[in-house]
Amino acid sequence: MQTPCAAYEEIGLKKQGQYQQLNTNILQIENEYYASVRPKSNVIFRQETL
């Protein structure tokens, strides 16, 4: 969550006072950390979830 990324640091956080990104780390938000292990549902046409 706090590993810096040189490419993101090059962009910077702000440009002319406006945020360009959330931070300069590899992971921008916590959800990105869990995205690869979070099960994804396969939605079938007209199938309802429980």
C-alpha atoms as a PDB file:
ATOM      1  CA  MET A   1       0.000   0.000   0.000  1.00  0.00           C
ATOM      2  CA  GLN A   2       2.926   2.348   0.505  1.00  0.00           C
ATOM      3  CA  THR A   3       5.375   1.226  -2.178  1.00  0.00           C
ATOM      4  CA  PRO A   4       6.316   4.272  -4.257  1.00  0.00           C
ATOM      5  CA  CYS A   5       6.277   4.104  -8.054  1.00  0.00           C
ATOM      6  CA  ALA A   6       8.818   6.204  -9.951  1.00  0.00           C
ATOM      7  CA  ALA A   7       6.488   6.693 -12.935  1.00  0.00           C
ATOM      8  CA  TYR A   8       3.677   7.959 -10.676  1.00  0.00           C
ATOM      9  CA  GLU A   9       6.091  10.202  -8.784  1.00  0.00           C
ATOM     10  CA  GLU A  10       7.109  11.702 -12.134  1.00  0.00           C
ATOM     11  CA  ILE A  11       3.456  12.622 -12.819  1.00  0.00           C
ATOM     12  CA  GLY A  12       3.138  14.171  -9.383  1.00  0.00           C
ATOM     13  CA  LEU A  13       0.092  14.535  -7.170  1.00  0.00           C
ATOM     14  CA  LYS A  14      -1.075  17.943  -8.345  1.00  0.00           C
ATOM     15  CA  LYS A  15      -0.839  20.000 -11.509  1.00  0.00           C
ATOM     16  CA  GLN A  16      -1.807  23.669 -11.248  1.00  0.00           C
ATOM     17  CA  GLY A  17      -3.477  22.961  -7.905  1.00  0.00           C
ATOM     18  CA  GLN A  18      -5.609  20.076  -9.248  1.00  0.00           C
ATOM     19  CA  TYR A  19      -5.074  16.477  -8.137  1.00  0.00           C
ATOM     20  CA  GLN A  20      -3.857  14.196 -10.937  1.00  0.00           C
ATOM     21  CA  GLN A  21      -3.927  11.023  -8.840  1.00  0.00           C
ATOM     22  CA  LEU A  22      -4.638   9.856  -5.299  1.00  0.00           C
ATOM     23  CA  ASN A  23      -0.995   9.219  -4.382  1.00  0.00           C
ATOM     24  CA  THR A  24       2.329   8.196  -5.940  1.00  0.00           C
ATOM     25  CA  ASN A  25       2.252   4.579  -4.784  1.00  0.00           C
ATOM     26  CA  ILE A  26       1.902   1.449  -6.920  1.00  0.00           C
ATOM     27  CA  LEU A  27      -1.534   0.809  -5.410  1.00  0.00           C
ATOM     28  CA  GLN A  28      -3.760   3.870  -5.505  1.00  0.00           C
ATOM     29  CA  ILE A  29      -6.625   2.430  -3.424  1.00  0.00           C
ATOM     30  CA  GLU A  30      -7.020  -0.532  -1.070  1.00  0.00           C
ATOM     31  CA  ASN A  31      -9.419  -2.314  -3.446  1.00  0.00           C
ATOM     32  CA  GLU A  32      -6.600  -2.785  -5.975  1.00  0.00           C
ATOM     33  CA  TYR A  33      -4.729  -4.904  -3.411  1.00  0.00           C
ATOM     34  CA  TYR A  34      -7.600  -7.353  -3.067  1.00  0.00           C
ATOM     35  CA  ALA A  35      -8.831  -7.273  -6.680  1.00  0.00           C
ATOM     36  CA  SER A  36      -6.847 -10.335  -7.784  1.00  0.00           C
ATOM     37  CA  VAL A  37      -8.202 -12.581  -5.004  1.00  0.00           C
ATOM     38  CA  ARG A  38     -11.744 -11.252  -4.771  1.00  0.00           C
ATOM     39  CA  PRO A  39     -14.121 -13.708  -6.424  1.00  0.00           C
ATOM     40  CA  LYS A  40     -15.943 -12.291  -9.403  1.00  0.00           C
ATOM     41  CA  SER A  41     -19.449 -13.404 -10.297  1.00  0.00           C
ATOM     42  CA  ASN A  42     -20.295 -14.603 -13.772  1.00  0.00           C
ATOM     43  CA  VAL A  43     -23.634 -13.072 -14.612  1.00  0.00           C
ATOM     44  CA  ILE A  44     -25.768 -15.151 -16.952  1.00  0.00           C
ATOM     45  CA  PHE A  45     -28.471 -13.378 -18.922  1.00  0.00           C
ATOM     46  CA  ARG A  46     -31.687 -13.128 -16.869  1.00  0.00           C
ATOM     47  CA  GLN A  47     -30.138 -14.928 -13.889  1.00  0.00           C
ATOM     48  CA  GLU A  48     -30.917 -13.422 -10.507  1.00  0.00           C
ATOM     49  CA  THR A  49     -28.403 -13.406  -7.674  1.00  0.00           C
ATOM     50  CA  LEU A  50     -29.344 -14.496  -4.171  1.00  0.00           C
END
